[in-house]
C-alpha atoms as a PDB file:
ATOM      1  CA  MET A   1      30.461  18.724 -83.093  1.00  0.00           C
ATOM      2  CA  MET A   2      34.099  19.774 -82.941  1.00  0.00           C
ATOM      3  CA  ASN A   3      36.171  19.274 -86.045  1.00  0.00           C
ATOM      4  CA  HIS A   4      38.662  16.432 -85.488  1.00  0.00           C
ATOM      5  CA  ALA A   5      41.555  18.786 -86.314  1.00  0.00           C
ATOM      6  CA  LEU A   6      40.430  21.240 -83.635  1.00  0.00           C
ATOM      7  CA  SER A   7      40.061  18.478 -81.048  1.00  0.00           C
ATOM      8  CA  ILE A   8      43.866  18.311 -80.960  1.00  0.00           C
ATOM      9  CA  LEU A   9      44.117  21.894 -79.698  1.00  0.00           C
ATOM     10  CA  PRO A  10      43.379  23.039 -76.113  1.00  0.00           C
ATOM     11  CA  ASP A  11      39.621  23.260 -75.518  1.00  0.00           C
ATOM     12  CA  ALA A  12      39.882  26.700 -73.893  1.00  0.00           C
ATOM     13  CA  PHE A  13      41.766  28.040 -76.904  1.00  0.00           C
ATOM     14  CA  VAL A  14      39.205  26.682 -79.381  1.00  0.00           C
ATOM     15  CA  GLU A  15      36.340  28.119 -77.336  1.00  0.00           C
ATOM     16  CA  ARG A  16      37.980  31.557 -77.208  1.00  0.00           C
ATOM     17  CA  THR A  17      38.594  31.437 -80.954  1.00  0.00           C
ATOM     18  CA  ARG A  18      34.919  30.691 -81.564  1.00  0.00           C
ATOM     19  CA  GLN A  19      34.100  33.901 -79.688  1.00  0.00           C
ATOM     20  CA  ILE A  20      36.586  35.973 -81.707  1.00  0.00           C
ATOM     21  CA  LEU A  21      35.911  34.751 -85.267  1.00  0.00           C
ATOM     22  CA  ASN A  22      32.639  34.845 -87.164  1.00  0.00           C
ATOM     23  CA  PRO A  23      31.404  31.499 -88.553  1.00  0.00           C
ATOM     24  CA  THR A  24      32.857  32.078 -92.027  1.00  0.00           C
ATOM     25  CA  ASP A  25      36.296  33.050 -90.740  1.00  0.00           C
ATOM     26  CA  LEU A  26      36.208  30.148 -88.295  1.00  0.00           C
ATOM     27  CA  VAL A  27      35.859  27.729 -91.222  1.00  0.00           C
ATOM     28  CA  LEU A  28      38.737  29.450 -93.043  1.00  0.00           C
ATOM     29  CA  TRP A  29      40.879  29.067 -89.921  1.00  0.00           C
ATOM     30  CA  GLU A  30      40.057  25.361 -89.597  1.00  0.00           C
ATOM     31  CA  GLU A  31      40.911  24.785 -93.265  1.00  0.00           C
ATOM     32  CA  SER A  32      44.206  26.671 -92.942  1.00  0.00           C
ATOM     33  CA  LEU A  33      45.251  24.464 -90.029  1.00  0.00           C
ATOM     34  CA  ILE A  34      44.796  21.386 -92.188  1.00  0.00           C
ATOM     35  CA  HIS A  35      46.137  22.875 -95.437  1.00  0.00           C
ATOM     36  CA  PRO A  36      48.555  25.744 -94.634  1.00  0.00           C
ATOM     37  CA  ALA A  37      49.597  27.928 -97.580  1.00  0.00           C
ATOM     38  CA  LEU A  38      53.209  28.894 -98.324  1.00  0.00           C
ATOM     39  CA  THR A  39      54.653  32.059 -99.856  1.00  0.00           C
ATOM     40  CA  VAL A  40      58.093  32.949-101.223  1.00  0.00           C
ATOM     41  CA  ARG A  41      59.650  36.269-102.180  1.00  0.00           C
ATOM     42  CA  TRP A  42      62.533  37.216-104.445  1.00  0.00           C
ATOM     43  CA  THR A  43      65.772  38.404-102.807  1.00  0.00           C
ATOM     44  CA  GLY A  44      67.941  38.761-105.913  1.00  0.00           C
ATOM     45  CA  LYS A  45      68.380  41.839-108.079  1.00  0.00           C
ATOM     46  CA  PRO A  46      65.023  43.650-108.364  1.00  0.00           C
ATOM     47  CA  GLU A  47      65.238  43.951-112.141  1.00  0.00           C
ATOM     48  CA  ARG A  48      65.444  40.145-112.421  1.00  0.00           C
ATOM     49  CA  ALA A  49      62.478  39.342-110.165  1.00  0.00           C
ATOM     50  CA  GLY A  50      60.507  37.894-113.070  1.00  0.00           C
ATOM     51  CA  LEU A  51      62.920  34.974-113.095  1.00  0.00           C
ATOM     52  CA  GLY A  52      61.465  33.833-109.782  1.00  0.00           C
ATOM     53  CA  ALA A  53      58.022  33.129-111.219  1.00  0.00           C
ATOM     54  CA  GLU A  54      59.539  31.443-114.266  1.00  0.00           C
ATOM     55  CA  TYR A  55      61.669  29.175-112.082  1.00  0.00           C
ATOM     56  CA  LEU A  56      58.723  28.197-109.873  1.00  0.00           C
ATOM     57  CA  LYS A  57      56.650  27.277-112.927  1.00  0.00           C
ATOM     58  CA  GLU A  58      59.516  25.180-114.274  1.00  0.00           C
ATOM     59  CA  GLN A  59      59.585  23.315-110.961  1.00  0.00           C
ATOM     60  CA  GLY A  60      55.891  22.441-111.227  1.00  0.00           C
ATOM     61  CA  PHE A  61      54.382  25.146-109.007  1.00  0.00           C
ATOM     62  CA  THR A  62      51.626  27.608-109.863  1.00  0.00           C
ATOM     63  CA  PRO A  63      52.918  30.891-108.408  1.00  0.00           C
ATOM     64  CA  GLU A  64      50.256  33.520-107.804  1.00  0.00           C
ATOM     65  CA  PRO A  65      51.542  37.122-107.578  1.00  0.00           C
ATOM     66  CA  VAL A  66      50.685  39.100-104.452  1.00  0.00           C
ATOM     67  CA  GLU A  67      49.002  42.379-105.425  1.00  0.00           C
ATOM     68  CA  TRP A  68      50.351  44.441-102.544  1.00  0.00           C
ATOM     69  CA  CYS A  69      53.808  42.869-102.204  1.00  0.00           C
ATOM     70  CA  PRO A  70      55.943  42.991-105.358  1.00  0.00           C
ATOM     71  CA  GLU A  71      58.420  40.116-105.724  1.00  0.00           C
ATOM     72  CA  ALA A  72      56.238  37.717-103.690  1.00  0.00           C
ATOM     73  CA  TRP A  73      54.293  34.665-104.868  1.00  0.00           C
ATOM     74  CA  LEU A  74      51.689  32.564-103.139  1.00  0.00           C
ATOM     75  CA  LEU A  75      52.224  28.867-103.729  1.00  0.00           C
ATOM     76  CA  GLY A  76      49.015  27.652-102.137  1.00  0.00           C
ATOM     77  CA  SER A  77      48.696  24.437-100.158  1.00  0.00           C
ATOM     78  CA  VAL A  78      51.902  22.614-101.048  1.00  0.00           C
ATOM     79  CA  THR A  79      54.232  20.704 -98.759  1.00  0.00           C
ATOM     80  CA  ARG A  80      56.942  22.663 -97.038  1.00  0.00           C
ATOM     81  CA  ARG A  81      59.492  20.056 -98.052  1.00  0.00           C
ATOM     82  CA  SER A  82      58.647  20.509-101.741  1.00  0.00           C
ATOM     83  CA  VAL A  83      59.548  24.191-101.392  1.00  0.00           C
ATOM     84  CA  THR A  84      62.604  23.957 -99.133  1.00  0.00           C
ATOM     85  CA  SER A  85      64.123  21.328-101.428  1.00  0.00           C
ATOM     86  CA  LEU A  86      64.257  23.816-104.326  1.00  0.00           C
ATOM     87  CA  GLU A  87      67.789  24.927-105.189  1.00  0.00           C
ATOM     88  CA  TRP A  88      66.887  28.614-105.349  1.00  0.00           C
ATOM     89  CA  VAL A  89      65.167  28.394-101.961  1.00  0.00           C
ATOM     90  CA  ALA A  90      68.133  26.589-100.414  1.00  0.00           C
ATOM     91  CA  GLU A  91      70.468  29.340-101.616  1.00  0.00           C
ATOM     92  CA  GLN A  92      67.927  32.016-100.516  1.00  0.00           C
ATOM     93  CA  THR A  93      67.371  33.617-103.925  1.00  0.00           C
ATOM     94  CA  LEU A  94      63.771  32.723-103.181  1.00  0.00           C
ATOM     95  CA  PHE A  95      62.965  33.215 -99.502  1.00  0.00           C
ATOM     96  CA  LEU A  96      60.206  31.277 -97.746  1.00  0.00           C
ATOM     97  CA  GLN A  97      58.234  33.713 -95.573  1.00  0.00           C
ATOM     98  CA  SER A  98      54.714  34.005 -94.188  1.00  0.00           C
ATOM     99  CA  LEU A  99      52.491  36.351 -96.188  1.00  0.00           C
ATOM    100  CA  SER A 100      51.188  37.843 -92.927  1.00  0.00           C
ATOM    101  CA  SER A 101      54.794  38.581 -91.945  1.00  0.00           C
ATOM    102  CA  MET A 102      55.305  40.426 -95.241  1.00  0.00           C
ATOM    103  CA  ALA A 103      52.097  42.391 -94.652  1.00  0.00           C
ATOM    104  CA  ALA A 104      53.450  43.853 -91.416  1.00  0.00           C
ATOM    105  CA  VAL A 105      56.423  45.349 -93.271  1.00  0.00           C
ATOM    106  CA  MET A 106      54.427  46.543 -96.270  1.00  0.00           C
ATOM    107  CA  ALA A 107      51.986  48.293 -93.917  1.00  0.00           C
ATOM    108  CA  MET A 108      54.883  50.376 -92.543  1.00  0.00           C
ATOM    109  CA  GLY A 109      55.176  52.421 -95.733  1.00  0.00           C
ATOM    110  CA  VAL A 110      58.972  52.333 -95.602  1.00  0.00           C
ATOM    111  CA  GLU A 111      60.580  54.505 -98.282  1.00  0.00           C
ATOM    112  CA  PRO A 112      64.230  54.969 -99.311  1.00  0.00           C
ATOM    113  CA  GLY A 113      65.828  57.398 -96.867  1.00  0.00           C
ATOM    114  CA  HIS A 114      63.645  56.471 -93.895  1.00  0.00           C
ATOM    115  CA  ASP A 115      65.454  55.677 -90.641  1.00  0.00           C
ATOM    116  CA  VAL A 116      63.849  52.516 -89.282  1.00  0.00           C
ATOM    117  CA  LEU A 117      63.865  50.501 -86.066  1.00  0.00           C
ATOM    118  CA  ASP A 118      62.888  46.839 -85.883  1.00  0.00           C
ATOM    119  CA  LEU A 119      62.226  46.631 -82.155  1.00  0.00           C
ATOM    120  CA  CYS A 120      62.039  42.827 -81.708  1.00  0.00           C
ATOM    121  CA  ALA A 121      63.865  41.745 -84.822  1.00  0.00           C
ATOM    122  CA  ALA A 122      64.804  38.059 -84.648  1.00  0.00           C
ATOM    123  CA  PRO A 123      64.689  35.815 -86.550  1.00  0.00           C
ATOM    124  CA  GLY A 124      65.206  38.574 -89.137  1.00  0.00           C
ATOM    125  CA  ALA A 125      62.842  37.854 -92.038  1.00  0.00           C
ATOM    126  CA  LYS A 126      60.949  41.125 -91.577  1.00  0.00           C
ATOM    127  CA  THR A 127      64.230  42.979 -90.998  1.00  0.00           C
ATOM    128  CA  SER A 128      65.498  41.795 -94.370  1.00  0.00           C
ATOM    129  CA  LEU A 129      62.320  42.971 -96.111  1.00  0.00           C
ATOM    130  CA  ILE A 130      62.558  46.389 -94.417  1.00  0.00           C
ATOM    131  CA  HIS A 131      66.136  46.599 -95.686  1.00  0.00           C
ATOM    132  CA  ARG A 132      64.943  45.848 -99.209  1.00  0.00           C
ATOM    133  CA  ARG A 133      62.261  48.561 -99.003  1.00  0.00           C
ATOM    134  CA  GLN A 134      64.900  51.114 -97.969  1.00  0.00           C
ATOM    135  CA  ALA A 135      66.813  50.398-101.207  1.00  0.00           C
ATOM    136  CA  GLY A 136      70.169  51.229 -99.658  1.00  0.00           C
ATOM    137  CA  ARG A 137      69.159  54.593 -98.176  1.00  0.00           C
ATOM    138  CA  GLY A 138      68.500  55.254 -94.501  1.00  0.00           C
ATOM    139  CA  ILE A 139      69.569  53.731 -91.187  1.00  0.00           C
ATOM    140  CA  LEU A 140      68.170  50.359 -90.100  1.00  0.00           C
ATOM    141  CA  VAL A 141      68.521  49.299 -86.472  1.00  0.00           C
ATOM    142  CA  ALA A 142      67.549  45.749 -85.503  1.00  0.00           C
ATOM    143  CA  ASN A 143      67.138  45.074 -81.797  1.00  0.00           C
ATOM    144  CA  GLU A 144      66.734  41.701 -80.111  1.00  0.00           C
ATOM    145  CA  LEU A 145      66.844  40.733 -76.447  1.00  0.00           C
ATOM    146  CA  SER A 146      68.132  37.166 -76.854  1.00  0.00           C
ATOM    147  CA  ARG A 147      71.806  36.764 -77.792  1.00  0.00           C
ATOM    148  CA  SER A 148      71.179  33.285 -79.205  1.00  0.00           C
ATOM    149  CA  ARG A 149      68.424  34.662 -81.431  1.00  0.00           C
ATOM    150  CA  VAL A 150      70.734  37.480 -82.522  1.00  0.00           C
ATOM    151  CA  LYS A 151      73.240  34.867 -83.690  1.00  0.00           C
ATOM    152  CA  ARG A 152      70.559  33.146 -85.750  1.00  0.00           C
ATOM    153  CA  MET A 153      69.456  36.485 -87.187  1.00  0.00           C
ATOM    154  CA  LEU A 154      73.020  37.375 -88.164  1.00  0.00           C
ATOM    155  CA  ALA A 155      73.360  34.004 -89.898  1.00  0.00           C
ATOM    156  CA  LEU A 156      70.163  34.653 -91.849  1.00  0.00           C
ATOM    157  CA  LEU A 157      71.224  38.151 -92.870  1.00  0.00           C
ATOM    158  CA  LYS A 158      74.567  36.787 -94.022  1.00  0.00           C
ATOM    159  CA  ARG A 159      72.819  34.206 -96.207  1.00  0.00           C
ATOM    160  CA  LEU A 160      70.733  37.022 -97.676  1.00  0.00           C
ATOM    161  CA  ARG A 161      73.888  39.028 -98.357  1.00  0.00           C
ATOM    162  CA  ILE A 162      72.884  41.861 -95.981  1.00  0.00           C
ATOM    163  CA  SER A 163      75.576  43.455 -93.814  1.00  0.00           C
ATOM    164  CA  ASP A 164      74.705  47.157 -93.358  1.00  0.00           C
ATOM    165  CA  ILE A 165      72.324  46.853 -90.394  1.00  0.00           C
ATOM    166  CA  ASP A 166      73.038  48.125 -86.886  1.00  0.00           C
ATOM    167  CA  ILE A 167      72.383  45.253 -84.448  1.00  0.00           C
ATOM    168  CA  LEU A 168      71.483  45.967 -80.825  1.00  0.00           C
ATOM    169  CA  THR A 169      71.108  43.326 -78.114  1.00  0.00           C
ATOM    170  CA  GLY A 170      68.941  44.375 -75.201  1.00  0.00           C
ATOM    171  CA  PRO A 171      65.405  44.967 -73.918  1.00  0.00           C
ATOM    172  CA  GLY A 172      63.266  46.896 -76.384  1.00  0.00           C
ATOM    173  CA  GLU A 173      61.562  48.585 -73.451  1.00  0.00           C
ATOM    174  CA  MET A 174      64.726  50.677 -72.912  1.00  0.00           C
ATOM    175  CA  LEU A 175      65.062  52.073 -76.444  1.00  0.00           C
ATOM    176  CA  GLY A 176      62.424  54.717 -75.812  1.00  0.00           C
ATOM    177  CA  LYS A 177      64.944  56.417 -73.537  1.00  0.00           C
ATOM    178  CA  SER A 178      68.181  55.739 -75.394  1.00  0.00           C
ATOM    179  CA  HIS A 179      66.766  56.425 -78.904  1.00  0.00           C
ATOM    180  CA  GLU A 180      64.015  58.952 -78.298  1.00  0.00           C
ATOM    181  CA  LYS A 181      62.786  60.676 -81.503  1.00  0.00           C
ATOM    182  CA  CYS A 182      65.326  58.878 -83.717  1.00  0.00           C
ATOM    183  CA  PHE A 183      63.187  57.049 -86.283  1.00  0.00           C
ATOM    184  CA  ASP A 184      60.708  57.645 -89.093  1.00  0.00           C
ATOM    185  CA  ARG A 185      59.291  54.133 -88.943  1.00  0.00           C
ATOM    186  CA  VAL A 186      59.256  51.443 -86.264  1.00  0.00           C
ATOM    187  CA  LEU A 187      58.135  47.836 -86.403  1.00  0.00           C
ATOM    188  CA  ALA A 188      57.024  46.525 -83.030  1.00  0.00           C
ATOM    189  CA  ASP A 189      56.317  42.885 -83.882  1.00  0.00           C
ATOM    190  CA  VAL A 190      56.292  41.864 -80.251  1.00  0.00           C
ATOM    191  CA  PRO A 191      56.640  38.511 -78.461  1.00  0.00           C
ATOM    192  CA  CYS A 192      53.169  37.010 -78.199  1.00  0.00           C
ATOM    193  CA  SER A 193      51.260  33.799 -77.536  1.00  0.00           C
ATOM    194  CA  GLY A 194      51.730  32.832 -81.203  1.00  0.00           C
ATOM    195  CA  GLU A 195      48.221  31.516 -81.812  1.00  0.00           C
ATOM    196  CA  GLY A 196      48.594  32.241 -85.518  1.00  0.00           C
ATOM    197  CA  ARG A 197      51.555  29.866 -85.711  1.00  0.00           C
ATOM    198  CA  PHE A 198      49.935  26.815 -84.124  1.00  0.00           C
ATOM    199  CA  HIS A 199      50.537  23.700 -86.230  1.00  0.00           C
ATOM    200  CA  LEU A 200      48.482  20.551 -85.768  1.00  0.00           C
ATOM    201  CA  SER A 201      51.576  18.425 -86.350  1.00  0.00           C
ATOM    202  CA  ASP A 202      53.594  20.237 -83.655  1.00  0.00           C
ATOM    203  CA  ALA A 203      52.167  20.110 -80.121  1.00  0.00           C
ATOM    204  CA  ALA A 204      55.087  22.236 -78.927  1.00  0.00           C
ATOM    205  CA  SER A 205      53.634  25.186 -80.847  1.00  0.00           C
ATOM    206  CA  TRP A 206      50.844  25.518 -78.271  1.00  0.00           C
ATOM    207  CA  SER A 207      52.428  23.795 -75.250  1.00  0.00           C
ATOM    208  CA  ARG A 208      52.917  27.098 -73.375  1.00  0.00           C
ATOM    209  CA  TRP A 209      49.542  28.565 -74.266  1.00  0.00           C
ATOM    210  CA  GLY A 210      47.262  29.660 -71.448  1.00  0.00           C
ATOM    211  CA  GLU A 211      45.123  32.641 -70.479  1.00  0.00           C
ATOM    212  CA  SER A 212      47.471  33.477 -67.605  1.00  0.00           C
ATOM    213  CA  SER A 213      50.442  33.656 -69.985  1.00  0.00           C
ATOM    214  CA  ILE A 214      48.417  35.879 -72.334  1.00  0.00           C
ATOM    215  CA  ASN A 215      47.882  38.409 -69.555  1.00  0.00           C
ATOM    216  CA  GLY A 216      51.569  38.342 -68.645  1.00  0.00           C
ATOM    217  CA  LEU A 217      52.578  38.902 -72.261  1.00  0.00           C
ATOM    218  CA  ALA A 218      50.144  41.812 -72.560  1.00  0.00           C
ATOM    219  CA  ARG A 219      51.894  43.708 -69.764  1.00  0.00           C
ATOM    220  CA  ARG A 220      55.217  43.458 -71.567  1.00  0.00           C
ATOM    221  CA  GLN A 221      53.615  44.328 -74.900  1.00  0.00           C
ATOM    222  CA  VAL A 222      52.295  47.601 -73.459  1.00  0.00           C
ATOM    223  CA  ALA A 223      55.809  48.521 -72.314  1.00  0.00           C
ATOM    224  CA  LEU A 224      57.296  47.635 -75.711  1.00  0.00           C
ATOM    225  CA  LEU A 225      54.726  49.658 -77.646  1.00  0.00           C
ATOM    226  CA  GLU A 226      55.181  52.658 -75.353  1.00  0.00           C
ATOM    227  CA  SER A 227      58.926  52.445 -75.955  1.00  0.00           C
ATOM    228  CA  ALA A 228      58.401  52.177 -79.729  1.00  0.00           C
ATOM    229  CA  CYS A 229      56.233  55.298 -79.710  1.00  0.00           C
ATOM    230  CA  ARG A 230      58.897  57.294 -77.892  1.00  0.00           C
ATOM    231  CA  THR A 231      61.542  56.382 -80.478  1.00  0.00           C
ATOM    232  CA  LEU A 232      59.494  58.022 -83.253  1.00  0.00           C
ATOM    233  CA  ARG A 233      60.113  61.471 -84.628  1.00  0.00           C
ATOM    234  CA  PRO A 234      56.990  63.670 -84.824  1.00  0.00           C
ATOM    235  CA  GLY A 235      55.004  62.421 -87.802  1.00  0.00           C
ATOM    236  CA  GLY A 236      56.722  59.040 -87.620  1.00  0.00           C
ATOM    237  CA  GLU A 237      54.740  55.811 -87.535  1.00  0.00           C
ATOM    238  CA  VAL A 238      54.864  52.487 -85.746  1.00  0.00           C
ATOM    239  CA  ILE A 239      53.272  49.223 -86.809  1.00  0.00           C
ATOM    240  CA  TYR A 240      52.329  47.221 -83.739  1.00  0.00           C
ATOM    241  CA  ALA A 241      51.962  43.579 -84.737  1.00  0.00           C
ATOM    242  CA  THR A 242      51.403  40.141 -83.254  1.00  0.00           C
ATOM    243  CA  CYS A 243      50.796  36.688 -84.709  1.00  0.00           C
ATOM    244  CA  THR A 244      48.009  35.961 -82.239  1.00  0.00           C
ATOM    245  CA  MET A 245      44.221  36.287 -82.153  1.00  0.00           C
ATOM    246  CA  ALA A 246      44.024  37.174 -78.453  1.00  0.00           C
ATOM    247  CA  PRO A 247      42.368  40.615 -78.006  1.00  0.00           C
ATOM    248  CA  GLU A 248      44.272  41.055 -74.719  1.00  0.00           C
ATOM    249  CA  GLU A 249      47.505  41.163 -76.758  1.00  0.00           C
ATOM    250  CA  ASN A 250      46.091  43.170 -79.645  1.00  0.00           C
ATOM    251  CA  GLU A 251      43.380  45.832 -79.368  1.00  0.00           C
ATOM    252  CA  LEU A 252      43.549  46.001 -75.581  1.00  0.00           C
ATOM    253  CA  VAL A 253      47.301  46.708 -75.671  1.00  0.00           C
ATOM    254  CA  VAL A 254      46.886  49.513 -78.211  1.00  0.00           C
ATOM    255  CA  ASP A 255      43.913  50.920 -76.289  1.00  0.00           C
ATOM    256  CA  ARG A 256      45.891  51.058 -73.037  1.00  0.00           C
ATOM    257  CA  VAL A 257      48.811  52.826 -74.691  1.00  0.00           C
ATOM    258  CA  LEU A 258      46.506  55.389 -76.303  1.00  0.00           C
ATOM    259  CA  LYS A 259      44.676  56.064 -73.045  1.00  0.00           C
ATOM    260  CA  LYS A 260      47.905  56.435 -71.076  1.00  0.00           C
ATOM    261  CA  ALA A 261      48.937  59.074 -73.650  1.00  0.00           C
ATOM    262  CA  ARG A 262      52.575  59.157 -72.579  1.00  0.00           C
ATOM    263  CA  THR A 263      53.391  59.912 -76.223  1.00  0.00           C
ATOM    264  CA  PRO A 264      50.739  61.674 -78.354  1.00  0.00           C
ATOM    265  CA  MET A 265      49.621  59.119 -80.949  1.00  0.00           C
ATOM    266  CA  GLU A 266      46.763  58.676 -83.398  1.00  0.00           C
ATOM    267  CA  VAL A 267      45.431  55.542 -85.068  1.00  0.00           C
ATOM    268  CA  CYS A 268      45.766  55.521 -88.865  1.00  0.00           C
ATOM    269  CA  GLU A 269      44.180  53.334 -91.511  1.00  0.00           C
ATOM    270  CA  ILE A 270      46.200  50.438 -92.938  1.00  0.00           C
ATOM    271  CA  ASP A 271      46.013  50.810 -96.704  1.00  0.00           C
ATOM    272  CA  LEU A 272      46.861  47.281 -97.854  1.00  0.00           C
ATOM    273  CA  PRO A 273      44.051  45.621 -99.867  1.00  0.00           C
ATOM    274  CA  LEU A 274      43.899  42.467 -97.763  1.00  0.00           C
ATOM    275  CA  GLU A 275      41.131  39.981 -98.545  1.00  0.00           C
ATOM    276  CA  ALA A 276      41.841  38.460 -95.160  1.00  0.00           C
ATOM    277  CA  GLY A 277      41.661  41.819 -93.326  1.00  0.00           C
ATOM    278  CA  ARG A 278      38.930  42.530 -90.793  1.00  0.00           C
ATOM    279  CA  PRO A 279      38.334  45.641 -88.618  1.00  0.00           C
ATOM    280  CA  GLY A 280      39.803  45.585 -85.142  1.00  0.00           C
ATOM    281  CA  LEU A 281      37.534  44.834 -82.193  1.00  0.00           C
ATOM    282  CA  THR A 282      36.192  47.689 -80.074  1.00  0.00           C
ATOM    283  CA  SER A 283      35.179  45.492 -77.142  1.00  0.00           C
ATOM    284  CA  TRP A 284      36.196  42.208 -75.575  1.00  0.00           C
ATOM    285  CA  LYS A 285      34.412  40.755 -72.589  1.00  0.00           C
ATOM    286  CA  SER A 286      34.139  43.655 -70.111  1.00  0.00           C
ATOM    287  CA  HIS A 287      36.702  45.908 -71.810  1.00  0.00           C
ATOM    288  CA  GLU A 288      35.503  48.719 -74.103  1.00  0.00           C
ATOM    289  CA  CYS A 289      38.098  50.129 -76.503  1.00  0.00           C
ATOM    290  CA  ALA A 290      38.267  53.493 -78.232  1.00  0.00           C
ATOM    291  CA  PRO A 291      36.169  53.525 -81.459  1.00  0.00           C
ATOM    292  CA  GLU A 292      39.251  54.238 -83.591  1.00  0.00           C
ATOM    293  CA  LEU A 293      40.481  50.707 -82.864  1.00  0.00           C
ATOM    294  CA  GLN A 294      38.242  49.717 -85.804  1.00  0.00           C
ATOM    295  CA  ARG A 295      41.016  51.174 -88.004  1.00  0.00           C
ATOM    296  CA  THR A 296      43.395  48.447 -86.850  1.00  0.00           C
ATOM    297  CA  VAL A 297      43.389  45.180 -88.784  1.00  0.00           C
ATOM    298  CA  ARG A 298      42.770  41.608 -87.792  1.00  0.00           C
ATOM    299  CA  VAL A 299      44.161  39.290 -90.432  1.00  0.00           C
ATOM    300  CA  VAL A 300      42.199  36.059 -90.465  1.00  0.00           C
ATOM    301  CA  ALA A 301      43.392  32.750 -91.863  1.00  0.00           C
ATOM    302  CA  GLY A 302      42.848  32.039 -95.533  1.00  0.00           C
ATOM    303  CA  PHE A 303      43.766  33.804 -98.779  1.00  0.00           C
ATOM    304  CA  GLY A 304      47.340  32.676 -98.137  1.00  0.00           C
ATOM    305  CA  MET A 305      47.419  34.375 -94.731  1.00  0.00           C
ATOM    306  CA  THR A 306      47.832  33.142 -91.169  1.00  0.00           C
ATOM    307  CA  PRO A 307      46.152  34.879 -88.188  1.00  0.00           C
ATOM    308  CA  PHE A 308      47.838  38.212 -87.480  1.00  0.00           C
ATOM    309  CA  TYR A 309      47.091  41.637 -85.998  1.00  0.00           C
ATOM    310  CA  MET A 310      48.344  45.082 -87.029  1.00  0.00           C
ATOM    311  CA  ALA A 311      47.830  48.609 -85.738  1.00  0.00           C
ATOM    312  CA  ARG A 312      49.342  51.686 -87.432  1.00  0.00           C
ATOM    313  CA  LEU A 313      49.999  54.568 -85.053  1.00  0.00           C
ATOM    314  CA  ARG A 314      51.395  58.005 -85.898  1.00  0.00           C
ATOM    315  CA  ARG A 315      53.184  60.322 -83.465  1.00  0.00           C
ATOM    316  CA  THR A 316      51.450  63.676 -83.645  1.00  0.00           C
ATOM    317  CA  GLU A 317      54.058  65.862 -81.901  1.00  0.00           C
END
């Protein structure tokens, strides 16, 4: 019998999800829909990060440090309002951000001095974390197609006291030509069907979902990833990421880009110790993927995470 919570979602989506997740991960996903977890990270001076945990404890929370993301704390299943009402959250000294979103940046391996491109940057949370990882050294370019979303991103960066980012407004598919071999790291967190962000209390979060839209998104995702690969210097790396479970937008996109081989790329392991991490699929329905797609990561719900997908690709020449 279908869980009452799942009965709210489109039947076709639930059926597809049952084919993608194993029974244990399916239960974790159902529980996360009912009791979503929240995470915050420190945006103040790094040497004072310990104050964040102290403040959260004083406010009645039980902050749990994130092993692979310094300055971040998992708050568990608490109400969003209880977090957003905190003074330090309102002033952005503590920043509310999805743990899966943080994982995409941490998987990039950004170091001070790296030149980095955030290909589809708005609303800017990941951009701000990339900036923090650079520690004031290296170029950071944030590109976004939508001018209205750029405005919102600029407002966020201003609240976070970040001003030294180059903002571009245009299609990410074109940057492979205009910025060929310019970057050491690229984040291609592409527009997707957003299955990992469905909320039971918000029907609008899945109102546009459909298998036909998934296929249309996949075509654009291939073009964006190909562009991202071209912008890399030899030895540079791109993290391809989505917040969806759909294989058509995840493994199948990466597989098509690898097989087209317009830019020589190899699949690398993602080193983060993620309890919610699972190997990428190597087949979906009638499509067989390259075996190395197992090195990509499917992030399942639970352990503070929301459904997410990441592939780490390195340009070989």
